[in-house]
Amino acid sequence: MDKEALIAELKEIIKPYVQDQEAFGNLTEDTHFITDLKINSANLVDIVLDTEDKYNIEIDNDSMDKMSDVKSAMGVIEEKIAAKG
């Protein structure tokens, strides 16, 4: 999957949960969900569930713990999609 397309799709998933709109507007691979976007931990679970639904993948707890920033989330998504193959 194209990196830019994945970032765009991820932005759509996280958009409803973002508390800091300015940081969201400047989102990059290095954007941290909690620190930069002010997303709380309960909403991170919602993001994981929404991601699972969108890509028809299952994200285990270890993988979920890795999804702290955009780049890590993209890595987990790509890994799970490839494993589903």
N, C-alpha and C. Protein backbone atom coordinates (compact mmCIF):
# COMPACT_ATOMS: atom_id res chain seq x y z
N MET A 1 0.84 -1.19 0.00
CA MET A 1 0.00 0.00 0.00
C MET A 1 0.89 1.25 0.00
N ASP A 2 0.50 2.23 -0.76
CA ASP A 2 1.22 3.49 -0.86
C ASP A 2 1.21 4.22 0.48
N LYS A 3 2.38 4.72 0.89
CA LYS A 3 2.53 5.38 2.19
C LYS A 3 1.60 6.58 2.34
N GLU A 4 1.53 7.41 1.33
CA GLU A 4 0.67 8.60 1.41
C GLU A 4 -0.80 8.22 1.53
N ALA A 5 -1.21 7.18 0.81
CA ALA A 5 -2.60 6.71 0.88
C ALA A 5 -2.90 6.17 2.27
N LEU A 6 -1.97 5.45 2.84
CA LEU A 6 -2.16 4.89 4.18
C LEU A 6 -2.26 6.00 5.21
N ILE A 7 -1.41 7.02 5.10
CA ILE A 7 -1.49 8.16 6.02
C ILE A 7 -2.85 8.84 5.90
N ALA A 8 -3.32 9.03 4.67
CA ALA A 8 -4.62 9.67 4.45
C ALA A 8 -5.75 8.86 5.08
N GLU A 9 -5.71 7.54 4.92
CA GLU A 9 -6.74 6.68 5.50
C GLU A 9 -6.65 6.70 7.03
N LEU A 10 -5.45 6.69 7.55
CA LEU A 10 -5.26 6.73 9.00
C LEU A 10 -5.78 8.05 9.57
N LYS A 11 -5.57 9.14 8.85
CA LYS A 11 -6.09 10.44 9.29
C LYS A 11 -7.61 10.41 9.41
N GLU A 12 -8.27 9.76 8.47
CA GLU A 12 -9.74 9.66 8.52
C GLU A 12 -10.19 8.86 9.73
N ILE A 13 -9.43 7.82 10.07
CA ILE A 13 -9.77 6.98 11.23
C ILE A 13 -9.61 7.76 12.52
N ILE A 14 -8.52 8.51 12.67
CA ILE A 14 -8.24 9.17 13.95
C ILE A 14 -8.93 10.52 14.10
N LYS A 15 -9.38 11.10 13.01
CA LYS A 15 -9.96 12.45 13.02
C LYS A 15 -11.02 12.68 14.11
N PRO A 16 -11.98 11.76 14.30
CA PRO A 16 -13.02 12.03 15.32
C PRO A 16 -12.49 12.07 16.76
N TYR A 17 -11.29 11.55 16.99
CA TYR A 17 -10.77 11.43 18.35
C TYR A 17 -9.73 12.49 18.70
N VAL A 18 -9.33 13.29 17.74
CA VAL A 18 -8.26 14.27 17.93
C VAL A 18 -8.75 15.45 18.76
N GLN A 19 -7.95 15.84 19.76
CA GLN A 19 -8.28 17.00 20.59
C GLN A 19 -7.51 18.25 20.16
N ASP A 20 -6.38 18.06 19.49
CA ASP A 20 -5.55 19.19 19.06
C ASP A 20 -5.60 19.28 17.53
N GLN A 21 -6.51 20.12 17.03
CA GLN A 21 -6.73 20.23 15.58
C GLN A 21 -5.52 20.80 14.85
N GLU A 22 -4.79 21.69 15.49
CA GLU A 22 -3.62 22.27 14.84
C GLU A 22 -2.57 21.20 14.58
N ALA A 23 -2.32 20.35 15.58
CA ALA A 23 -1.36 19.26 15.41
C ALA A 23 -1.85 18.28 14.35
N PHE A 24 -3.17 18.05 14.32
CA PHE A 24 -3.75 17.15 13.32
C PHE A 24 -3.51 17.69 11.91
N GLY A 25 -3.61 19.00 11.76
CA GLY A 25 -3.37 19.62 10.47
C GLY A 25 -1.93 19.49 10.00
N ASN A 26 -1.02 19.33 10.95
CA ASN A 26 0.41 19.19 10.64
C ASN A 26 0.89 17.75 10.81
N LEU A 27 -0.02 16.79 10.74
CA LEU A 27 0.29 15.39 10.99
C LEU A 27 1.38 14.87 10.05
N THR A 28 2.37 14.19 10.64
CA THR A 28 3.43 13.52 9.88
C THR A 28 3.58 12.12 10.44
N GLU A 29 4.53 11.36 9.89
CA GLU A 29 4.79 10.02 10.41
C GLU A 29 5.24 10.05 11.87
N ASP A 30 5.84 11.16 12.28
CA ASP A 30 6.37 11.26 13.64
C ASP A 30 5.35 11.75 14.66
N THR A 31 4.14 12.06 14.22
CA THR A 31 3.10 12.57 15.13
C THR A 31 2.71 11.48 16.12
N HIS A 32 2.77 11.83 17.40
CA HIS A 32 2.43 10.91 18.49
C HIS A 32 0.95 11.11 18.84
N PHE A 33 0.22 10.02 18.96
CA PHE A 33 -1.23 10.11 19.19
C PHE A 33 -1.59 10.81 20.51
N ILE A 34 -0.92 10.43 21.59
CA ILE A 34 -1.27 11.00 22.90
C ILE A 34 -0.61 12.36 23.11
N THR A 35 0.70 12.43 22.90
CA THR A 35 1.44 13.66 23.17
C THR A 35 1.06 14.80 22.23
N ASP A 36 1.02 14.51 20.93
CA ASP A 36 0.78 15.57 19.95
C ASP A 36 -0.70 15.82 19.68
N LEU A 37 -1.47 14.76 19.51
CA LEU A 37 -2.88 14.93 19.13
C LEU A 37 -3.83 14.96 20.31
N LYS A 38 -3.29 14.70 21.52
CA LYS A 38 -4.08 14.73 22.76
C LYS A 38 -5.24 13.72 22.74
N ILE A 39 -4.99 12.57 22.12
CA ILE A 39 -5.98 11.49 22.11
C ILE A 39 -5.81 10.70 23.40
N ASN A 40 -6.91 10.46 24.12
CA ASN A 40 -6.79 9.71 25.37
C ASN A 40 -6.72 8.21 25.11
N SER A 41 -6.32 7.47 26.13
CA SER A 41 -6.08 6.03 25.95
C SER A 41 -7.34 5.27 25.58
N ALA A 42 -8.49 5.68 26.09
CA ALA A 42 -9.74 5.02 25.72
C ALA A 42 -10.01 5.19 24.22
N ASN A 43 -9.73 6.37 23.70
CA ASN A 43 -9.94 6.61 22.28
C ASN A 43 -8.92 5.88 21.42
N LEU A 44 -7.74 5.60 21.97
CA LEU A 44 -6.77 4.80 21.23
C LEU A 44 -7.33 3.41 20.95
N VAL A 45 -8.06 2.86 21.92
CA VAL A 45 -8.71 1.56 21.72
C VAL A 45 -9.73 1.67 20.59
N ASP A 46 -10.49 2.76 20.58
CA ASP A 46 -11.46 2.98 19.50
C ASP A 46 -10.76 3.05 18.14
N ILE A 47 -9.62 3.70 18.10
CA ILE A 47 -8.85 3.81 16.86
C ILE A 47 -8.41 2.43 16.38
N VAL A 48 -7.95 1.61 17.32
CA VAL A 48 -7.53 0.25 16.97
C VAL A 48 -8.72 -0.54 16.42
N LEU A 49 -9.87 -0.44 17.07
CA LEU A 49 -11.07 -1.15 16.61
C LEU A 49 -11.50 -0.67 15.22
N ASP A 50 -11.47 0.65 15.02
CA ASP A 50 -11.83 1.21 13.72
C ASP A 50 -10.84 0.75 12.64
N THR A 51 -9.56 0.66 13.01
CA THR A 51 -8.53 0.20 12.07
C THR A 51 -8.75 -1.26 11.70
N GLU A 52 -9.08 -2.07 12.71
CA GLU A 52 -9.37 -3.48 12.44
C GLU A 52 -10.53 -3.63 11.46
N ASP A 53 -11.58 -2.84 11.68
CA ASP A 53 -12.75 -2.90 10.80
C ASP A 53 -12.40 -2.46 9.38
N LYS A 54 -11.67 -1.36 9.26
CA LYS A 54 -11.35 -0.81 7.94
C LYS A 54 -10.54 -1.77 7.10
N TYR A 55 -9.54 -2.39 7.72
CA TYR A 55 -8.60 -3.24 6.97
C TYR A 55 -8.88 -4.73 7.12
N ASN A 56 -9.93 -5.08 7.88
CA ASN A 56 -10.28 -6.48 8.11
C ASN A 56 -9.08 -7.26 8.65
N ILE A 57 -8.46 -6.70 9.69
CA ILE A 57 -7.30 -7.32 10.33
C ILE A 57 -7.58 -7.44 11.82
N GLU A 58 -6.75 -8.21 12.51
CA GLU A 58 -6.84 -8.32 13.96
C GLU A 58 -5.55 -7.81 14.56
N ILE A 59 -5.66 -6.87 15.48
CA ILE A 59 -4.49 -6.27 16.12
C ILE A 59 -4.43 -6.76 17.56
N ASP A 60 -3.41 -7.57 17.86
CA ASP A 60 -3.26 -8.11 19.21
C ASP A 60 -2.73 -7.03 20.16
N ASN A 61 -2.73 -7.35 21.46
CA ASN A 61 -2.33 -6.37 22.47
C ASN A 61 -0.90 -5.89 22.29
N ASP A 62 0.01 -6.79 21.93
CA ASP A 62 1.41 -6.38 21.73
C ASP A 62 1.51 -5.37 20.59
N SER A 63 0.80 -5.64 19.51
CA SER A 63 0.82 -4.72 18.37
C SER A 63 0.15 -3.40 18.73
N MET A 64 -0.93 -3.48 19.50
CA MET A 64 -1.64 -2.27 19.91
C MET A 64 -0.72 -1.37 20.75
N ASP A 65 0.08 -1.98 21.61
CA ASP A 65 1.00 -1.21 22.45
C ASP A 65 2.04 -0.47 21.61
N LYS A 66 2.37 -1.00 20.43
CA LYS A 66 3.35 -0.37 19.55
C LYS A 66 2.78 0.84 18.82
N MET A 67 1.46 0.93 18.73
CA MET A 67 0.81 1.96 17.92
C MET A 67 0.71 3.29 18.66
N SER A 68 1.85 3.87 18.97
CA SER A 68 1.86 5.13 19.73
C SER A 68 1.96 6.36 18.83
N ASP A 69 2.47 6.15 17.62
CA ASP A 69 2.59 7.27 16.68
C ASP A 69 2.18 6.80 15.28
N VAL A 70 2.11 7.72 14.36
CA VAL A 70 1.62 7.43 13.01
C VAL A 70 2.50 6.37 12.33
N LYS A 71 3.80 6.54 12.40
CA LYS A 71 4.71 5.61 11.73
C LYS A 71 4.57 4.19 12.28
N SER A 72 4.49 4.06 13.60
CA SER A 72 4.33 2.74 14.22
C SER A 72 3.00 2.11 13.84
N ALA A 73 1.95 2.92 13.83
CA ALA A 73 0.63 2.42 13.45
C ALA A 73 0.65 1.92 12.00
N MET A 74 1.29 2.67 11.13
CA MET A 74 1.40 2.27 9.73
C MET A 74 2.14 0.94 9.61
N GLY A 75 3.18 0.78 10.39
CA GLY A 75 3.96 -0.46 10.36
C GLY A 75 3.12 -1.66 10.79
N VAL A 76 2.34 -1.48 11.86
CA VAL A 76 1.47 -2.55 12.35
C VAL A 76 0.42 -2.90 11.30
N ILE A 77 -0.20 -1.89 10.72
CA ILE A 77 -1.23 -2.12 9.70
C ILE A 77 -0.64 -2.87 8.50
N GLU A 78 0.50 -2.41 8.02
CA GLU A 78 1.13 -3.08 6.86
C GLU A 78 1.51 -4.52 7.18
N GLU A 79 2.02 -4.73 8.40
CA GLU A 79 2.42 -6.07 8.82
C GLU A 79 1.21 -7.00 8.87
N LYS A 80 0.11 -6.51 9.43
CA LYS A 80 -1.10 -7.35 9.57
C LYS A 80 -1.74 -7.64 8.21
N ILE A 81 -1.73 -6.65 7.33
CA ILE A 81 -2.29 -6.84 5.98
C ILE A 81 -1.44 -7.87 5.23
N ALA A 82 -0.11 -7.78 5.35
CA ALA A 82 0.79 -8.71 4.67
C ALA A 82 0.61 -10.13 5.21
N ALA A 83 0.43 -10.25 6.53
CA ALA A 83 0.27 -11.57 7.15
C ALA A 83 -1.05 -12.22 6.72
N LYS A 84 -2.05 -11.38 6.48
CA LYS A 84 -3.36 -11.87 6.05
C LYS A 84 -3.28 -12.43 4.63
N GLY A 85 -2.43 -11.80 3.82
CA GLY A 85 -2.10 -12.06 2.47
C GLY A 85 -2.87 -12.99 1.69
